[in-house]
Amino acid sequence: MPYTRNLFIREPKSTKKKRKETEQLQNVIRLRINDDEKKTLEKLTKTTSKSITEIMREAIDLWRARQRKLCM
């Protein structure tokens, strides 16, 4: 059974915006990181109330947006 991802960004409850669409997620990526990077991710999960997966997706989106700006 494939994992289904709801397309919404986790925000404070008062401003939470949900998207109605869902997409099937079938790709799994394994990532090796050092202890300091893991501690940083764990701190981010606690301070933002986001999962590591959400943080990594956001990082990819930010990187992609920065690359687009550099190309223009």
PDB file of N, CA and C in Angstrom:
ATOM      1  N   MET A   1       0.840  -1.173   0.000  1.00  0.00           N
ATOM      2  CA  MET A   1       0.000   0.000   0.000  1.00  0.00           C
ATOM      3  C   MET A   1       0.888   1.241   0.000  1.00  0.00           C
ATOM      4  N   PRO A   2       0.816   2.061  -1.029  1.00  0.00           N
ATOM      5  CA  PRO A   2       1.674   3.235  -1.097  1.00  0.00           C
ATOM      6  C   PRO A   2       1.290   4.279  -0.059  1.00  0.00           C
ATOM      7  N   TYR A   3       2.287   5.020   0.363  1.00  0.00           N
ATOM      8  CA  TYR A   3       2.102   6.098   1.337  1.00  0.00           C
ATOM      9  C   TYR A   3       1.442   7.277   0.641  1.00  0.00           C
ATOM     10  N   THR A   4       0.449   7.884   1.258  1.00  0.00           N
ATOM     11  CA  THR A   4      -0.220   9.042   0.694  1.00  0.00           C
ATOM     12  C   THR A   4       0.199  10.290   1.448  1.00  0.00           C
ATOM     13  N   ARG A   5       0.600  11.301   0.727  1.00  0.00           N
ATOM     14  CA  ARG A   5       1.039  12.556   1.338  1.00  0.00           C
ATOM     15  C   ARG A   5      -0.033  13.613   1.140  1.00  0.00           C
ATOM     16  N   ASN A   6      -0.477  14.213   2.226  1.00  0.00           N
ATOM     17  CA  ASN A   6      -1.374  15.351   2.121  1.00  0.00           C
ATOM     18  C   ASN A   6      -0.535  16.570   1.790  1.00  0.00           C
ATOM     19  N   LEU A   7      -0.963  17.328   0.817  1.00  0.00           N
ATOM     20  CA  LEU A   7      -0.190  18.477   0.375  1.00  0.00           C
ATOM     21  C   LEU A   7      -0.586  19.716   1.169  1.00  0.00           C
ATOM     22  N   PHE A   8      -0.095  19.818   2.369  1.00  0.00           N
ATOM     23  CA  PHE A   8      -0.290  21.031   3.131  1.00  0.00           C
ATOM     24  C   PHE A   8       0.947  21.286   3.965  1.00  0.00           C
ATOM     25  N   ILE A   9       1.173  22.541   4.269  1.00  0.00           N
ATOM     26  CA  ILE A   9       2.333  22.941   5.042  1.00  0.00           C
ATOM     27  C   ILE A   9       1.910  23.072   6.491  1.00  0.00           C
ATOM     28  N   ARG A  10       2.675  22.496   7.405  1.00  0.00           N
ATOM     29  CA  ARG A  10       2.339  22.585   8.812  1.00  0.00           C
ATOM     30  C   ARG A  10       2.621  23.994   9.315  1.00  0.00           C
ATOM     31  N   GLU A  11       1.599  24.659   9.792  1.00  0.00           N
ATOM     32  CA  GLU A  11       1.689  26.010  10.325  1.00  0.00           C
ATOM     33  C   GLU A  11       0.927  26.043  11.637  1.00  0.00           C
ATOM     34  N   PRO A  12       1.038  27.132  12.393  1.00  0.00           N
ATOM     35  CA  PRO A  12       0.231  27.227  13.608  1.00  0.00           C
ATOM     36  C   PRO A  12      -1.241  27.019  13.284  1.00  0.00           C
ATOM     37  N   LYS A  13      -1.978  26.433  14.226  1.00  0.00           N
ATOM     38  CA  LYS A  13      -3.360  26.049  13.963  1.00  0.00           C
ATOM     39  C   LYS A  13      -4.224  27.187  13.442  1.00  0.00           C
ATOM     40  N   SER A  14      -3.986  28.397  13.901  1.00  0.00           N
ATOM     41  CA  SER A  14      -4.826  29.517  13.493  1.00  0.00           C
ATOM     42  C   SER A  14      -4.685  29.867  12.011  1.00  0.00           C
ATOM     43  N   THR A  15      -3.534  29.588  11.422  1.00  0.00           N
ATOM     44  CA  THR A  15      -3.313  29.951  10.018  1.00  0.00           C
ATOM     45  C   THR A  15      -3.097  28.734   9.131  1.00  0.00           C
ATOM     46  N   LYS A  16      -3.451  27.566   9.609  1.00  0.00           N
ATOM     47  CA  LYS A  16      -3.220  26.340   8.836  1.00  0.00           C
ATOM     48  C   LYS A  16      -4.038  26.350   7.546  1.00  0.00           C
ATOM     49  N   LYS A  17      -3.365  26.134   6.418  1.00  0.00           N
ATOM     50  CA  LYS A  17      -4.023  26.079   5.122  1.00  0.00           C
ATOM     51  C   LYS A  17      -3.864  24.670   4.571  1.00  0.00           C
ATOM     52  N   LYS A  18      -4.970  23.979   4.346  1.00  0.00           N
ATOM     53  CA  LYS A  18      -4.901  22.624   3.812  1.00  0.00           C
ATOM     54  C   LYS A  18      -5.145  22.642   2.316  1.00  0.00           C
ATOM     55  N   ARG A  19      -4.419  21.830   1.632  1.00  0.00           N
ATOM     56  CA  ARG A  19      -4.670  21.612   0.218  1.00  0.00           C
ATOM     57  C   ARG A  19      -5.465  20.331   0.093  1.00  0.00           C
ATOM     58  N   LYS A  20      -6.399  20.307  -0.812  1.00  0.00           N
ATOM     59  CA  LYS A  20      -7.290  19.156  -0.943  1.00  0.00           C
ATOM     60  C   LYS A  20      -6.653  17.988  -1.688  1.00  0.00           C
ATOM     61  N   GLU A  21      -5.647  18.280  -2.483  1.00  0.00           N
ATOM     62  CA  GLU A  21      -5.042  17.234  -3.299  1.00  0.00           C
ATOM     63  C   GLU A  21      -4.167  16.297  -2.460  1.00  0.00           C
ATOM     64  N   THR A  22      -4.069  15.071  -2.897  1.00  0.00           N
ATOM     65  CA  THR A  22      -3.108  14.131  -2.326  1.00  0.00           C
ATOM     66  C   THR A  22      -2.366  13.482  -3.480  1.00  0.00           C
ATOM     67  N   GLU A  23      -1.150  13.067  -3.219  1.00  0.00           N
ATOM     68  CA  GLU A  23      -0.379  12.384  -4.247  1.00  0.00           C
ATOM     69  C   GLU A  23       0.226  11.127  -3.639  1.00  0.00           C
ATOM     70  N   GLN A  24       0.398  10.129  -4.458  1.00  0.00           N
ATOM     71  CA  GLN A  24       0.987   8.878  -4.013  1.00  0.00           C
ATOM     72  C   GLN A  24       2.493   9.016  -3.951  1.00  0.00           C
ATOM     73  N   LEU A  25       3.062   8.764  -2.779  1.00  0.00           N
ATOM     74  CA  LEU A  25       4.513   8.819  -2.617  1.00  0.00           C
ATOM     75  C   LEU A  25       5.046   7.396  -2.576  1.00  0.00           C
ATOM     76  N   GLN A  26       5.949   7.103  -3.492  1.00  0.00           N
ATOM     77  CA  GLN A  26       6.472   5.753  -3.588  1.00  0.00           C
ATOM     78  C   GLN A  26       7.981   5.694  -3.464  1.00  0.00           C
ATOM     79  N   ASN A  27       8.643   6.829  -3.443  1.00  0.00           N
ATOM     80  CA  ASN A  27      10.101   6.853  -3.428  1.00  0.00           C
ATOM     81  C   ASN A  27      10.628   7.059  -2.015  1.00  0.00           C
ATOM     82  N   VAL A  28      11.599   6.244  -1.660  1.00  0.00           N
ATOM     83  CA  VAL A  28      12.240   6.346  -0.354  1.00  0.00           C
ATOM     84  C   VAL A  28      13.715   6.641  -0.594  1.00  0.00           C
ATOM     85  N   ILE A  29      14.219   7.644   0.126  1.00  0.00           N
ATOM     86  CA  ILE A  29      15.633   7.994   0.005  1.00  0.00           C
ATOM     87  C   ILE A  29      16.275   7.817   1.373  1.00  0.00           C
ATOM     88  N   ARG A  30      17.401   7.144   1.415  1.00  0.00           N
ATOM     89  CA  ARG A  30      18.167   6.993   2.652  1.00  0.00           C
ATOM     90  C   ARG A  30      19.299   7.995   2.613  1.00  0.00           C
ATOM     91  N   LEU A  31      19.559   8.601   3.768  1.00  0.00           N
ATOM     92  CA  LEU A  31      20.563   9.648   3.841  1.00  0.00           C
ATOM     93  C   LEU A  31      21.449   9.406   5.048  1.00  0.00           C
ATOM     94  N   ARG A  32      22.741   9.405   4.834  1.00  0.00           N
ATOM     95  CA  ARG A  32      23.682   9.264   5.944  1.00  0.00           C
ATOM     96  C   ARG A  32      24.160  10.645   6.347  1.00  0.00           C
ATOM     97  N   ILE A  33      24.027  10.938   7.639  1.00  0.00           N
ATOM     98  CA  ILE A  33      24.465  12.231   8.166  1.00  0.00           C
ATOM     99  C   ILE A  33      25.299  11.995   9.420  1.00  0.00           C
ATOM    100  N   ASN A  34      26.088  12.998   9.788  1.00  0.00           N
ATOM    101  CA  ASN A  34      26.911  12.846  10.980  1.00  0.00           C
ATOM    102  C   ASN A  34      26.090  13.193  12.239  1.00  0.00           C
ATOM    103  N   ASP A  35      26.680  13.003  13.401  1.00  0.00           N
ATOM    104  CA  ASP A  35      25.967  13.207  14.668  1.00  0.00           C
ATOM    105  C   ASP A  35      25.515  14.656  14.847  1.00  0.00           C
ATOM    106  N   ASP A  36      26.342  15.603  14.442  1.00  0.00           N
ATOM    107  CA  ASP A  36      25.973  17.017  14.584  1.00  0.00           C
ATOM    108  C   ASP A  36      24.770  17.371  13.712  1.00  0.00           C
ATOM    109  N   GLU A  37      24.759  16.857  12.500  1.00  0.00           N
ATOM    110  CA  GLU A  37      23.628  17.113  11.608  1.00  0.00           C
ATOM    111  C   GLU A  37      22.347  16.489  12.160  1.00  0.00           C
ATOM    112  N   LYS A  38      22.472  15.307  12.749  1.00  0.00           N
ATOM    113  CA  LYS A  38      21.299  14.650  13.342  1.00  0.00           C
ATOM    114  C   LYS A  38      20.777  15.453  14.524  1.00  0.00           C
ATOM    115  N   LYS A  39      21.675  15.948  15.364  1.00  0.00           N
ATOM    116  CA  LYS A  39      21.261  16.767  16.506  1.00  0.00           C
ATOM    117  C   LYS A  39      20.553  18.033  16.031  1.00  0.00           C
ATOM    118  N   THR A  40      21.081  18.634  14.971  1.00  0.00           N
ATOM    119  CA  THR A  40      20.457  19.830  14.415  1.00  0.00           C
ATOM    120  C   THR A  40      19.047  19.524  13.921  1.00  0.00           C
ATOM    121  N   LEU A  41      18.892  18.407  13.216  1.00  0.00           N
ATOM    122  CA  LEU A  41      17.562  18.018  12.737  1.00  0.00           C
ATOM    123  C   LEU A  41      16.608  17.756  13.896  1.00  0.00           C
ATOM    124  N   GLU A  42      17.092  17.097  14.938  1.00  0.00           N
ATOM    125  CA  GLU A  42      16.245  16.821  16.095  1.00  0.00           C
ATOM    126  C   GLU A  42      15.810  18.119  16.788  1.00  0.00           C
ATOM    127  N   LYS A  43      16.720  19.101  16.875  1.00  0.00           N
ATOM    128  CA  LYS A  43      16.360  20.400  17.460  1.00  0.00           C
ATOM    129  C   LYS A  43      15.301  21.087  16.609  1.00  0.00           C
ATOM    130  N   LEU A  44      15.471  21.019  15.291  1.00  0.00           N
ATOM    131  CA  LEU A  44      14.496  21.634  14.389  1.00  0.00           C
ATOM    132  C   LEU A  44      13.119  20.993  14.530  1.00  0.00           C
ATOM    133  N   THR A  45      13.081  19.674  14.702  1.00  0.00           N
ATOM    134  CA  THR A  45      11.784  19.008  14.855  1.00  0.00           C
ATOM    135  C   THR A  45      11.080  19.465  16.133  1.00  0.00           C
ATOM    136  N   LYS A  46      11.850  19.690  17.174  1.00  0.00           N
ATOM    137  CA  LYS A  46      11.252  20.125  18.437  1.00  0.00           C
ATOM    138  C   LYS A  46      10.799  21.582  18.382  1.00  0.00           C
ATOM    139  N   THR A  47      11.597  22.443  17.771  1.00  0.00           N
ATOM    140  CA  THR A  47      11.271  23.868  17.761  1.00  0.00           C
ATOM    141  C   THR A  47      10.205  24.230  16.731  1.00  0.00           C
ATOM    142  N   THR A  48      10.089  23.445  15.651  1.00  0.00           N
ATOM    143  CA  THR A  48       9.132  23.771  14.589  1.00  0.00           C
ATOM    144  C   THR A  48       7.898  22.885  14.604  1.00  0.00           C
ATOM    145  N   SER A  49       7.912  21.817  15.379  1.00  0.00           N
ATOM    146  CA  SER A  49       6.820  20.828  15.394  1.00  0.00           C
ATOM    147  C   SER A  49       6.627  20.185  14.019  1.00  0.00           C
ATOM    148  N   LYS A  50       7.693  20.084  13.257  1.00  0.00           N
ATOM    149  CA  LYS A  50       7.660  19.416  11.960  1.00  0.00           C
ATOM    150  C   LYS A  50       8.464  18.129  12.052  1.00  0.00           C
ATOM    151  N   SER A  51       8.131  17.187  11.195  1.00  0.00           N
ATOM    152  CA  SER A  51       8.895  15.940  11.143  1.00  0.00           C
ATOM    153  C   SER A  51      10.172  16.165  10.344  1.00  0.00           C
ATOM    154  N   ILE A  52      11.098  15.240  10.477  1.00  0.00           N
ATOM    155  CA  ILE A  52      12.338  15.323   9.691  1.00  0.00           C
ATOM    156  C   ILE A  52      12.010  15.299   8.205  1.00  0.00           C
ATOM    157  N   THR A  53      11.037  14.492   7.826  1.00  0.00           N
ATOM    158  CA  THR A  53      10.629  14.422   6.426  1.00  0.00           C
ATOM    159  C   THR A  53      10.144  15.776   5.940  1.00  0.00           C
ATOM    160  N   GLU A  54       9.309  16.447   6.733  1.00  0.00           N
ATOM    161  CA  GLU A  54       8.811  17.766   6.339  1.00  0.00           C
ATOM    162  C   GLU A  54       9.945  18.779   6.232  1.00  0.00           C
ATOM    163  N   ILE A  55      10.882  18.722   7.155  1.00  0.00           N
ATOM    164  CA  ILE A  55      12.029  19.635   7.124  1.00  0.00           C
ATOM    165  C   ILE A  55      12.864  19.393   5.872  1.00  0.00           C
ATOM    166  N   MET A  56      13.098  18.133   5.534  1.00  0.00           N
ATOM    167  CA  MET A  56      13.899  17.819   4.351  1.00  0.00           C
ATOM    168  C   MET A  56      13.180  18.245   3.074  1.00  0.00           C
ATOM    169  N   ARG A  57      11.856  18.050   3.014  1.00  0.00           N
ATOM    170  CA  ARG A  57      11.103  18.498   1.833  1.00  0.00           C
ATOM    171  C   ARG A  57      11.175  20.015   1.694  1.00  0.00           C
ATOM    172  N   GLU A  58      11.052  20.716   2.817  1.00  0.00           N
ATOM    173  CA  GLU A  58      11.145  22.174   2.799  1.00  0.00           C
ATOM    174  C   GLU A  58      12.536  22.622   2.352  1.00  0.00           C
ATOM    175  N   ALA A  59      13.576  21.928   2.807  1.00  0.00           N
ATOM    176  CA  ALA A  59      14.943  22.255   2.406  1.00  0.00           C
ATOM    177  C   ALA A  59      15.123  22.065   0.897  1.00  0.00           C
ATOM    178  N   ILE A  60      14.561  21.010   0.359  1.00  0.00           N
ATOM    179  CA  ILE A  60      14.635  20.772  -1.092  1.00  0.00           C
ATOM    180  C   ILE A  60      13.920  21.886  -1.839  1.00  0.00           C
ATOM    181  N   ASP A  61      12.727  22.268  -1.357  1.00  0.00           N
ATOM    182  CA  ASP A  61      11.975  23.346  -2.006  1.00  0.00           C
ATOM    183  C   ASP A  61      12.748  24.667  -1.966  1.00  0.00           C
ATOM    184  N   LEU A  62      13.371  24.976  -0.831  1.00  0.00           N
ATOM    185  CA  LEU A  62      14.157  26.207  -0.713  1.00  0.00           C
ATOM    186  C   LEU A  62      15.369  26.185  -1.637  1.00  0.00           C
ATOM    187  N   TRP A  63      16.036  25.048  -1.714  1.00  0.00           N
ATOM    188  CA  TRP A  63      17.203  24.919  -2.586  1.00  0.00           C
ATOM    189  C   TRP A  63      16.780  25.105  -4.043  1.00  0.00           C
ATOM    190  N   ARG A  64      15.673  24.474  -4.413  1.00  0.00           N
ATOM    191  CA  ARG A  64      15.181  24.571  -5.785  1.00  0.00           C
ATOM    192  C   ARG A  64      14.809  26.016  -6.137  1.00  0.00           C
ATOM    193  N   ALA A  65      14.168  26.726  -5.206  1.00  0.00           N
ATOM    194  CA  ALA A  65      13.807  28.131  -5.437  1.00  0.00           C
ATOM    195  C   ALA A  65      15.060  28.989  -5.590  1.00  0.00           C
ATOM    196  N   ARG A  66      16.075  28.724  -4.786  1.00  0.00           N
ATOM    197  CA  ARG A  66      17.325  29.487  -4.893  1.00  0.00           C
ATOM    198  C   ARG A  66      18.020  29.231  -6.223  1.00  0.00           C
ATOM    199  N   GLN A  67      17.978  27.996  -6.691  1.00  0.00           N
ATOM    200  CA  GLN A  67      18.588  27.673  -7.986  1.00  0.00           C
ATOM    201  C   GLN A  67      17.862  28.375  -9.117  1.00  0.00           C
ATOM    202  N   ARG A  68      16.540  28.453  -9.019  1.00  0.00           N
ATOM    203  CA  ARG A  68      15.771  29.156 -10.060  1.00  0.00           C
ATOM    204  C   ARG A  68      16.156  30.623 -10.116  1.00  0.00           C
ATOM    205  N   LYS A  69      16.323  31.255  -8.939  1.00  0.00           N
ATOM    206  CA  LYS A  69      16.707  32.659  -8.898  1.00  0.00           C
ATOM    207  C   LYS A  69      18.075  32.873  -9.528  1.00  0.00           C
ATOM    208  N   LEU A  70      19.000  31.945  -9.273  1.00  0.00           N
ATOM    209  CA  LEU A  70      20.348  32.072  -9.829  1.00  0.00           C
ATOM    210  C   LEU A  70      20.347  31.920 -11.347  1.00  0.00           C
ATOM    211  N   CYS A  71      19.427  31.125 -11.874  1.00  0.00           N
ATOM    212  CA  CYS A  71      19.363  30.879 -13.312  1.00  0.00           C
ATOM    213  C   CYS A  71      18.725  32.023 -14.070  1.00  0.00           C
ATOM    214  N   MET A  72      17.950  32.865 -13.378  1.00  0.00           N
ATOM    215  CA  MET A  72      17.258  33.960 -14.052  1.00  0.00           C
ATOM    216  C   MET A  72      18.117  35.162 -14.216  1.00  0.00           C
TER     217      MET A  72
END
